[in-house]
């Protein structure tokens, strides 16, 4: 073998050694990066698991809150219905008593008011036993109309209280 051939063989051997060293270096780098990527993937999975557990806990808390609100609204609705039926029952009983003349509605009269044109005497008579202020009885049809108006007002007040309770409950 000639010295030039030896030198060329040595150069080829050096190139082969350098190429294999570079390949080994790349493989070591690949192992290191693979290990780092696996660690990062594990950390990422842990973060995702904790985030999903927190989201599930928050969803359960919101669902429990919604169910509690729904139960509270159902109780308030039952109370509203009970109040409304009690008021309607009381109004019906009063209407019946007015219709049978068991009860009469009356209004207070100001006997000192000269502009009203009322001919009610200012002194009490010896025949009566009532020592209160003077009153005038209303005709039954007028009393029925007044009772209907007050009944509507009672229903409106009950409905308003129910609406206010609903708004307070959903806040």
N, C-alpha and C. Protein backbone atom coordinates (compact mmCIF):
# COMPACT_ATOMS: atom_id res chain seq x y z
N UNK A 1 0.80 -1.16 0.00
CA UNK A 1 0.00 0.00 0.00
C UNK A 1 0.86 1.24 0.00
N UNK A 2 0.44 2.11 -0.76
CA UNK A 2 1.22 3.32 -0.94
C UNK A 2 0.83 4.32 0.14
N UNK A 3 1.68 5.22 0.40
CA UNK A 3 1.36 6.19 1.44
C UNK A 3 0.12 7.01 1.10
N UNK A 4 -0.14 7.26 -0.14
CA UNK A 4 -1.33 8.04 -0.50
C UNK A 4 -2.57 7.20 -0.22
N UNK A 5 -2.46 5.91 -0.49
CA UNK A 5 -3.60 5.04 -0.20
C UNK A 5 -3.83 4.94 1.30
N UNK A 6 -2.72 4.86 2.05
CA UNK A 6 -2.84 4.80 3.49
C UNK A 6 -3.49 6.08 4.01
N UNK A 7 -3.07 7.19 3.46
CA UNK A 7 -3.63 8.47 3.88
C UNK A 7 -5.10 8.57 3.49
N UNK A 8 -5.45 8.09 2.35
CA UNK A 8 -6.85 8.11 1.93
C UNK A 8 -7.65 7.17 2.81
N UNK A 9 -7.11 5.99 3.15
CA UNK A 9 -7.80 5.06 4.03
C UNK A 9 -7.99 5.66 5.42
N UNK A 10 -6.93 6.31 5.88
CA UNK A 10 -7.01 6.97 7.17
C UNK A 10 -8.05 8.08 7.15
N UNK A 11 -8.14 8.84 6.06
CA UNK A 11 -9.14 9.92 5.94
C UNK A 11 -10.54 9.33 5.92
N UNK A 12 -10.69 8.20 5.21
CA UNK A 12 -12.00 7.56 5.15
C UNK A 12 -12.36 7.03 6.53
N UNK A 13 -11.38 6.42 7.22
CA UNK A 13 -11.62 5.93 8.56
C UNK A 13 -12.00 7.06 9.50
N UNK A 14 -11.34 8.18 9.39
CA UNK A 14 -11.64 9.34 10.22
C UNK A 14 -13.05 9.86 9.93
N UNK A 15 -13.39 9.91 8.65
CA UNK A 15 -14.73 10.35 8.28
C UNK A 15 -15.79 9.38 8.83
N UNK A 16 -15.49 8.09 8.77
CA UNK A 16 -16.43 7.10 9.28
C UNK A 16 -16.58 7.23 10.78
N UNK A 17 -15.49 7.44 11.48
CA UNK A 17 -15.54 7.62 12.93
C UNK A 17 -16.30 8.90 13.29
N UNK A 18 -16.07 9.94 12.56
CA UNK A 18 -16.77 11.19 12.82
C UNK A 18 -18.27 11.04 12.53
N UNK A 19 -18.61 10.34 11.47
CA UNK A 19 -20.01 10.14 11.14
C UNK A 19 -20.70 9.29 12.21
N UNK A 20 -20.00 8.22 12.67
CA UNK A 20 -20.60 7.40 13.70
C UNK A 20 -20.71 8.16 15.02
N UNK A 21 -19.71 9.00 15.33
CA UNK A 21 -19.77 9.81 16.55
C UNK A 21 -20.92 10.81 16.45
N UNK A 22 -21.11 11.40 15.27
CA UNK A 22 -22.22 12.34 15.08
C UNK A 22 -23.55 11.61 15.21
N UNK A 23 -23.64 10.39 14.70
CA UNK A 23 -24.86 9.60 14.82
C UNK A 23 -25.15 9.25 16.26
N UNK A 24 -24.12 8.87 16.99
CA UNK A 24 -24.28 8.55 18.40
C UNK A 24 -24.69 9.82 19.16
N UNK A 25 -24.09 10.95 18.82
CA UNK A 25 -24.43 12.21 19.46
C UNK A 25 -25.90 12.54 19.20
N UNK A 26 -26.33 12.35 17.97
CA UNK A 26 -27.74 12.62 17.65
C UNK A 26 -28.66 11.66 18.41
N UNK A 27 -28.23 10.44 18.54
CA UNK A 27 -29.06 9.46 19.25
C UNK A 27 -29.14 9.83 20.73
N UNK A 28 -28.03 10.25 21.32
CA UNK A 28 -28.04 10.66 22.73
C UNK A 28 -28.94 11.89 22.89
N UNK A 29 -28.82 12.82 21.98
CA UNK A 29 -29.67 14.02 22.03
C UNK A 29 -31.15 13.62 21.90
N UNK A 30 -31.42 12.66 21.02
CA UNK A 30 -32.79 12.19 20.83
C UNK A 30 -33.32 11.55 22.12
N UNK A 31 -32.49 10.76 22.80
CA UNK A 31 -32.92 10.15 24.05
C UNK A 31 -33.20 11.22 25.11
N UNK A 32 -32.31 12.20 25.20
CA UNK A 32 -32.50 13.27 26.18
C UNK A 32 -33.78 14.06 25.89
N UNK A 33 -33.97 14.42 24.63
CA UNK A 33 -35.18 15.19 24.27
C UNK A 33 -36.43 14.34 24.47
N UNK A 34 -36.36 13.07 24.15
CA UNK A 34 -37.50 12.19 24.36
C UNK A 34 -37.87 12.11 25.83
N UNK A 35 -36.85 12.05 26.70
CA UNK A 35 -37.10 12.02 28.14
C UNK A 35 -37.73 13.32 28.60
N UNK A 36 -37.21 14.45 28.12
CA UNK A 36 -37.78 15.75 28.50
C UNK A 36 -39.21 15.89 27.99
N UNK A 37 -39.45 15.47 26.76
CA UNK A 37 -40.81 15.54 26.21
C UNK A 37 -41.77 14.64 27.00
N UNK A 38 -41.30 13.48 27.43
CA UNK A 38 -42.15 12.59 28.22
C UNK A 38 -42.47 13.22 29.57
N UNK A 39 -41.47 13.87 30.19
CA UNK A 39 -41.72 14.56 31.46
C UNK A 39 -42.74 15.69 31.28
N UNK A 40 -42.55 16.46 30.21
CA UNK A 40 -43.49 17.57 29.95
C UNK A 40 -44.89 17.04 29.67
N UNK A 41 -44.99 15.95 28.95
CA UNK A 41 -46.30 15.36 28.67
C UNK A 41 -46.95 14.89 29.98
N UNK A 42 -46.18 14.31 30.88
CA UNK A 42 -46.72 13.89 32.17
C UNK A 42 -47.20 15.08 33.00
N UNK A 43 -46.41 16.15 33.01
CA UNK A 43 -46.81 17.36 33.73
C UNK A 43 -48.09 17.95 33.11
N UNK A 44 -48.14 17.94 31.78
CA UNK A 44 -49.31 18.46 31.08
C UNK A 44 -50.55 17.63 31.42
N UNK A 45 -50.41 16.32 31.46
CA UNK A 45 -51.54 15.45 31.81
C UNK A 45 -51.99 15.73 33.24
N UNK A 46 -51.05 15.94 34.15
CA UNK A 46 -51.40 16.26 35.53
C UNK A 46 -52.16 17.57 35.61
N UNK A 47 -51.68 18.58 34.86
CA UNK A 47 -52.39 19.87 34.83
C UNK A 47 -53.80 19.72 34.27
N UNK A 48 -53.92 18.96 33.19
CA UNK A 48 -55.25 18.75 32.60
C UNK A 48 -56.18 18.01 33.57
N UNK A 49 -55.64 17.05 34.29
CA UNK A 49 -56.47 16.30 35.25
C UNK A 49 -56.94 17.23 36.37
N UNK A 50 -56.05 18.08 36.89
CA UNK A 50 -56.46 18.98 37.97
C UNK A 50 -57.45 20.02 37.47
N UNK A 51 -57.28 20.50 36.25
CA UNK A 51 -58.22 21.47 35.67
C UNK A 51 -59.59 20.83 35.48
N UNK A 52 -59.62 19.60 34.97
CA UNK A 52 -60.91 18.95 34.75
C UNK A 52 -61.59 18.60 36.08
N UNK A 53 -60.82 18.27 37.11
CA UNK A 53 -61.43 18.01 38.43
C UNK A 53 -62.00 19.29 39.02
N UNK A 54 -61.29 20.41 38.84
CA UNK A 54 -61.80 21.68 39.34
C UNK A 54 -63.07 22.09 38.59
N UNK A 55 -63.08 21.87 37.28
CA UNK A 55 -64.27 22.20 36.48
C UNK A 55 -65.45 21.33 36.88
N UNK A 56 -65.20 20.05 37.14
CA UNK A 56 -66.28 19.16 37.56
C UNK A 56 -66.82 19.57 38.93
N UNK A 57 -65.93 19.96 39.84
CA UNK A 57 -66.38 20.41 41.17
C UNK A 57 -67.20 21.68 41.05
N UNK A 58 -66.76 22.59 40.19
CA UNK A 58 -67.52 23.83 39.99
C UNK A 58 -68.89 23.54 39.37
N UNK A 59 -68.94 22.63 38.43
CA UNK A 59 -70.22 22.27 37.80
C UNK A 59 -71.16 21.63 38.82
N UNK A 60 -70.62 20.77 39.71
CA UNK A 60 -71.45 20.18 40.75
C UNK A 60 -71.97 21.24 41.71
N UNK A 61 -71.11 22.19 42.07
CA UNK A 61 -71.54 23.27 42.97
C UNK A 61 -72.64 24.11 42.33
N UNK A 62 -72.49 24.43 41.05
CA UNK A 62 -73.51 25.21 40.34
C UNK A 62 -74.81 24.43 40.23
N UNK A 63 -74.71 23.13 39.99
CA UNK A 63 -75.92 22.30 39.90
C UNK A 63 -76.62 22.22 41.25
N UNK A 64 -75.85 22.08 42.32
CA UNK A 64 -76.45 22.05 43.67
C UNK A 64 -77.12 23.39 43.97
N UNK A 65 -76.48 24.47 43.58
CA UNK A 65 -77.06 25.80 43.80
C UNK A 65 -78.36 25.96 43.02
N UNK A 66 -78.37 25.49 41.78
CA UNK A 66 -79.57 25.57 40.95
C UNK A 66 -80.70 24.73 41.54
N UNK A 67 -80.38 23.53 42.01
CA UNK A 67 -81.40 22.67 42.61
C UNK A 67 -81.96 23.30 43.88
N UNK A 68 -81.10 23.91 44.70
CA UNK A 68 -81.58 24.58 45.91
C UNK A 68 -82.50 25.74 45.56
N UNK A 69 -82.15 26.49 44.52
CA UNK A 69 -83.00 27.60 44.08
C UNK A 69 -84.34 27.08 43.57
N UNK A 70 -84.32 25.99 42.81
CA UNK A 70 -85.56 25.43 42.30
C UNK A 70 -86.46 24.95 43.45
N UNK A 71 -85.86 24.33 44.47
CA UNK A 71 -86.65 23.88 45.62
C UNK A 71 -87.24 25.08 46.36
N UNK A 72 -86.44 26.12 46.52
CA UNK A 72 -86.93 27.32 47.21
C UNK A 72 -88.07 27.95 46.41
N UNK A 73 -87.95 27.99 45.09
CA UNK A 73 -89.01 28.55 44.25
C UNK A 73 -90.28 27.69 44.32
N UNK A 74 -90.12 26.38 44.40
CA UNK A 74 -91.29 25.50 44.51
C UNK A 74 -92.02 25.74 45.84
N UNK A 75 -91.26 25.92 46.91
CA UNK A 75 -91.87 26.19 48.21
C UNK A 75 -92.59 27.53 48.18
N UNK A 76 -91.95 28.53 47.58
CA UNK A 76 -92.58 29.85 47.49
C UNK A 76 -93.83 29.81 46.62
N UNK A 77 -93.80 29.01 45.57
CA UNK A 77 -94.97 28.88 44.70
C UNK A 77 -96.13 28.24 45.46
N UNK A 78 -95.84 27.24 46.25
CA UNK A 78 -96.90 26.61 47.07
C UNK A 78 -97.47 27.60 48.07
N UNK A 79 -96.59 28.41 48.67
CA UNK A 79 -97.05 29.41 49.63
C UNK A 79 -97.92 30.45 48.92
N UNK A 80 -97.51 30.87 47.73
CA UNK A 80 -98.29 31.85 46.95
C UNK A 80 -99.67 31.28 46.63
N UNK A 81 -99.72 30.04 46.20
CA UNK A 81 -101.00 29.41 45.86
C UNK A 81 -101.89 29.31 47.11
N UNK A 82 -101.29 28.96 48.25
CA UNK A 82 -102.05 28.86 49.50
C UNK A 82 -102.61 30.22 49.90
N UNK A 83 -101.78 31.27 49.83
CA UNK A 83 -102.24 32.62 50.18
C UNK A 83 -103.37 33.07 49.25
N UNK A 84 -103.21 32.79 47.96
CA UNK A 84 -104.22 33.19 46.99
C UNK A 84 -105.53 32.46 47.23
N UNK A 85 -105.47 31.16 47.49
CA UNK A 85 -106.72 30.42 47.72
C UNK A 85 -107.37 30.86 49.04
N UNK A 86 -106.55 31.15 50.07
CA UNK A 86 -107.13 31.64 51.33
C UNK A 86 -107.83 32.98 51.12
N UNK A 87 -107.19 33.88 50.36
CA UNK A 87 -107.81 35.18 50.10
C UNK A 87 -109.10 35.02 49.29
N UNK A 88 -109.08 34.13 48.30
CA UNK A 88 -110.29 33.92 47.50
C UNK A 88 -111.41 33.29 48.33
N UNK A 89 -111.04 32.38 49.24
CA UNK A 89 -112.04 31.77 50.10
C UNK A 89 -112.64 32.83 51.03
N UNK A 90 -111.81 33.71 51.59
CA UNK A 90 -112.30 34.78 52.47
C UNK A 90 -113.21 35.73 51.69
N UNK A 91 -112.82 36.07 50.46
CA UNK A 91 -113.65 36.96 49.63
C UNK A 91 -114.98 36.31 49.30
N UNK A 92 -114.97 35.03 48.99
CA UNK A 92 -116.22 34.33 48.67
C UNK A 92 -117.15 34.28 49.88
N UNK A 93 -116.57 34.05 51.06
CA UNK A 93 -117.39 34.02 52.27
C UNK A 93 -117.99 35.39 52.54
N UNK A 94 -117.21 36.44 52.36
CA UNK A 94 -117.73 37.79 52.58
C UNK A 94 -118.80 38.15 51.55
N UNK A 95 -118.60 37.73 50.29
CA UNK A 95 -119.62 37.97 49.25
C UNK A 95 -120.92 37.26 49.61
N UNK A 96 -120.80 36.03 50.10
CA UNK A 96 -122.00 35.28 50.49
C UNK A 96 -122.71 35.96 51.65
N UNK A 97 -121.95 36.44 52.62
CA UNK A 97 -122.56 37.11 53.77
C UNK A 97 -123.22 38.43 53.34
N UNK A 98 -122.61 39.12 52.36
CA UNK A 98 -123.23 40.35 51.85
C UNK A 98 -124.51 40.02 51.09
N UNK A 99 -124.49 38.94 50.34
CA UNK A 99 -125.65 38.57 49.54
C UNK A 99 -126.83 38.15 50.42
N UNK A 100 -126.55 37.55 51.53
CA UNK A 100 -127.63 37.12 52.42
C UNK A 100 -128.00 38.19 53.44
N UNK A 101 -127.42 39.34 53.34
CA UNK A 101 -127.67 40.48 54.23
C UNK A 101 -127.27 40.16 55.67
N UNK A 102 -126.40 39.18 55.82
CA UNK A 102 -125.87 38.86 57.15
C UNK A 102 -124.91 39.97 57.60
N UNK A 103 -124.25 40.57 56.65
CA UNK A 103 -123.29 41.66 56.91
C UNK A 103 -123.62 42.80 55.96
N UNK A 104 -123.46 44.01 56.42
CA UNK A 104 -123.67 45.19 55.57
C UNK A 104 -122.41 46.03 55.66
N UNK A 105 -122.01 46.56 54.53
CA UNK A 105 -120.87 47.49 54.52
C UNK A 105 -121.38 48.89 54.82
N UNK A 106 -120.56 49.62 55.56
CA UNK A 106 -120.93 51.00 55.87
C UNK A 106 -119.68 51.86 55.79
N UNK A 107 -119.91 53.17 55.69
CA UNK A 107 -118.81 54.13 55.63
C UNK A 107 -119.01 55.16 56.72
N UNK A 108 -117.91 55.72 57.18
CA UNK A 108 -117.98 56.79 58.17
C UNK A 108 -118.46 58.07 57.51
N UNK A 109 -119.25 58.82 58.23
CA UNK A 109 -119.75 60.08 57.69
C UNK A 109 -119.22 61.21 58.57
N UNK A 110 -118.74 62.23 57.91
CA UNK A 110 -118.28 63.42 58.63
C UNK A 110 -119.50 64.33 58.79
N UNK A 111 -120.08 64.35 59.96
CA UNK A 111 -121.30 65.12 60.21
C UNK A 111 -121.03 66.61 60.22
N UNK A 112 -119.78 67.01 60.35
CA UNK A 112 -119.46 68.45 60.39
C UNK A 112 -119.24 69.01 59.00
N UNK A 113 -119.20 68.16 57.99
CA UNK A 113 -118.97 68.61 56.62
C UNK A 113 -120.29 69.11 56.04
N UNK A 114 -120.39 70.41 55.82
CA UNK A 114 -121.62 70.99 55.28
C UNK A 114 -121.68 70.89 53.77
N UNK A 115 -120.54 70.63 53.11
CA UNK A 115 -120.52 70.56 51.65
C UNK A 115 -121.04 69.24 51.14
N UNK A 116 -121.11 68.23 51.99
CA UNK A 116 -121.53 66.91 51.52
C UNK A 116 -123.03 66.83 51.29
N UNK A 117 -123.80 67.69 51.90
CA UNK A 117 -125.24 67.67 51.72
C UNK A 117 -125.89 66.50 52.41
N UNK A 118 -125.27 65.96 53.42
CA UNK A 118 -125.80 64.80 54.13
C UNK A 118 -126.72 65.28 55.25
N UNK A 119 -127.90 64.70 55.35
CA UNK A 119 -128.88 65.10 56.36
C UNK A 119 -128.83 64.19 57.58
N UNK A 120 -127.66 63.82 58.03
CA UNK A 120 -127.53 62.97 59.20
C UNK A 120 -127.46 63.89 60.42
N UNK A 121 -128.28 63.64 61.43
CA UNK A 121 -128.25 64.49 62.61
C UNK A 121 -126.94 64.34 63.36
N UNK A 122 -126.47 65.43 63.97
CA UNK A 122 -125.19 65.41 64.65
C UNK A 122 -125.31 64.88 66.06
N UNK A 123 -126.48 64.94 66.65
CA UNK A 123 -126.64 64.43 68.02
C UNK A 123 -127.09 62.99 67.97
N UNK A 124 -126.74 62.23 68.97
CA UNK A 124 -127.16 60.83 69.01
C UNK A 124 -128.55 60.76 69.60
N UNK A 125 -129.31 59.84 69.11
CA UNK A 125 -130.68 59.70 69.62
C UNK A 125 -130.68 58.77 70.81
N UNK A 126 -131.69 58.86 71.61
CA UNK A 126 -131.80 58.03 72.80
C UNK A 126 -132.18 56.60 72.44
N UNK A 127 -132.67 56.39 71.20
CA UNK A 127 -133.13 55.07 70.81
C UNK A 127 -131.95 54.15 70.55
N UNK A 128 -130.87 54.65 69.95
CA UNK A 128 -129.72 53.81 69.58
C UNK A 128 -128.80 53.55 70.75
N UNK A 129 -128.07 52.44 70.67
CA UNK A 129 -127.10 52.11 71.70
C UNK A 129 -125.67 52.27 71.20
N UNK A 130 -125.50 52.64 69.94
CA UNK A 130 -124.18 52.81 69.36
C UNK A 130 -123.67 54.19 69.70
N UNK A 131 -122.51 54.27 70.32
CA UNK A 131 -121.94 55.56 70.69
C UNK A 131 -120.72 55.88 69.85
N UNK A 132 -120.61 55.30 68.68
CA UNK A 132 -119.47 55.54 67.79
C UNK A 132 -119.81 56.64 66.82
N UNK A 133 -118.90 56.90 65.90
CA UNK A 133 -119.12 57.92 64.87
C UNK A 133 -120.25 57.48 63.95
N UNK A 134 -120.87 58.44 63.30
CA UNK A 134 -121.99 58.16 62.39
C UNK A 134 -121.50 57.39 61.17
N UNK A 135 -122.31 56.43 60.73
CA UNK A 135 -121.98 55.59 59.57
C UNK A 135 -123.20 55.52 58.66
N UNK A 136 -122.95 55.35 57.39
CA UNK A 136 -124.03 55.16 56.42
C UNK A 136 -123.83 53.80 55.77
N UNK A 137 -124.88 53.02 55.65
CA UNK A 137 -124.78 51.69 55.05
C UNK A 137 -124.84 51.82 53.54
N UNK A 138 -124.06 50.97 52.86
CA UNK A 138 -124.02 50.95 51.40
C UNK A 138 -125.04 49.96 50.87
N UNK A 139 -125.57 50.24 49.70
CA UNK A 139 -126.47 49.30 49.04
C UNK A 139 -125.69 48.01 48.72
N UNK A 140 -126.35 46.87 48.75
CA UNK A 140 -125.67 45.61 48.48
C UNK A 140 -124.95 45.56 47.11
N UNK A 141 -125.53 46.09 46.01
CA UNK A 141 -124.76 46.04 44.74
C UNK A 141 -123.47 46.86 44.82
N UNK A 142 -123.52 48.02 45.50
CA UNK A 142 -122.31 48.82 45.65
C UNK A 142 -121.29 48.09 46.53
N UNK A 143 -121.80 47.46 47.56
CA UNK A 143 -120.90 46.70 48.44
C UNK A 143 -120.24 45.55 47.68
N UNK A 144 -121.00 44.89 46.79
CA UNK A 144 -120.42 43.80 45.99
C UNK A 144 -119.32 44.32 45.08
N UNK A 145 -119.54 45.49 44.46
CA UNK A 145 -118.53 46.08 43.58
C UNK A 145 -117.27 46.45 44.37
N UNK A 146 -117.48 47.03 45.55
CA UNK A 146 -116.33 47.40 46.38
C UNK A 146 -115.57 46.15 46.81
N UNK A 147 -116.31 45.10 47.15
CA UNK A 147 -115.67 43.85 47.53
C UNK A 147 -114.88 43.26 46.37
N UNK A 148 -115.41 43.34 45.15
CA UNK A 148 -114.69 42.84 43.97
C UNK A 148 -113.40 43.63 43.75
N UNK A 149 -113.47 44.94 43.94
CA UNK A 149 -112.27 45.78 43.76
C UNK A 149 -111.22 45.44 44.81
N UNK A 150 -111.65 45.32 46.06
CA UNK A 150 -110.68 44.98 47.11
C UNK A 150 -110.13 43.57 46.91
N UNK A 151 -110.96 42.68 46.39
CA UNK A 151 -110.48 41.32 46.10
C UNK A 151 -109.40 41.34 45.02
N UNK A 152 -109.63 42.13 43.97
CA UNK A 152 -108.61 42.27 42.93
C UNK A 152 -107.33 42.87 43.50
N UNK A 153 -107.49 43.84 44.39
CA UNK A 153 -106.32 44.43 45.03
C UNK A 153 -105.56 43.43 45.88
N UNK A 154 -106.30 42.61 46.64
CA UNK A 154 -105.66 41.57 47.45
C UNK A 154 -104.89 40.59 46.56
N UNK A 155 -105.51 40.18 45.45
CA UNK A 155 -104.84 39.26 44.52
C UNK A 155 -103.58 39.90 43.94
N UNK A 156 -103.66 41.19 43.63
CA UNK A 156 -102.49 41.88 43.07
C UNK A 156 -101.36 41.96 44.09
N UNK A 157 -101.70 42.23 45.34
CA UNK A 157 -100.67 42.30 46.39
C UNK A 157 -100.02 40.93 46.59
N UNK A 158 -100.82 39.88 46.58
CA UNK A 158 -100.27 38.53 46.73
C UNK A 158 -99.37 38.19 45.54
N UNK A 159 -99.80 38.53 44.33
CA UNK A 159 -98.98 38.27 43.14
C UNK A 159 -97.69 39.09 43.18
N UNK A 160 -97.76 40.32 43.64
CA UNK A 160 -96.56 41.15 43.75
C UNK A 160 -95.58 40.56 44.73
N UNK A 161 -96.06 40.10 45.88
CA UNK A 161 -95.16 39.47 46.86
C UNK A 161 -94.52 38.22 46.27
N UNK A 162 -95.27 37.45 45.50
CA UNK A 162 -94.72 36.25 44.87
C UNK A 162 -93.63 36.62 43.87
N UNK A 163 -93.87 37.66 43.07
CA UNK A 163 -92.86 38.10 42.10
C UNK A 163 -91.60 38.60 42.80
N UNK A 164 -91.77 39.35 43.88
CA UNK A 164 -90.61 39.85 44.61
C UNK A 164 -89.82 38.70 45.23
N UNK A 165 -90.51 37.72 45.76
CA UNK A 165 -89.83 36.55 46.33
C UNK A 165 -89.07 35.79 45.25
N UNK A 166 -89.66 35.69 44.05
CA UNK A 166 -89.00 35.02 42.93
C UNK A 166 -87.72 35.75 42.54
N UNK A 167 -87.81 37.08 42.44
CA UNK A 167 -86.63 37.87 42.05
C UNK A 167 -85.53 37.74 43.11
N UNK A 168 -85.92 37.77 44.39
CA UNK A 168 -84.92 37.62 45.45
C UNK A 168 -84.28 36.24 45.39
N UNK A 169 -85.06 35.24 45.05
CA UNK A 169 -84.53 33.87 45.04
C UNK A 169 -83.55 33.65 43.89
N UNK A 170 -83.77 34.24 42.74
CA UNK A 170 -82.89 33.97 41.59
C UNK A 170 -81.67 34.89 41.55
N UNK A 171 -81.61 35.86 42.43
CA UNK A 171 -80.42 36.74 42.44
C UNK A 171 -79.20 36.00 42.88
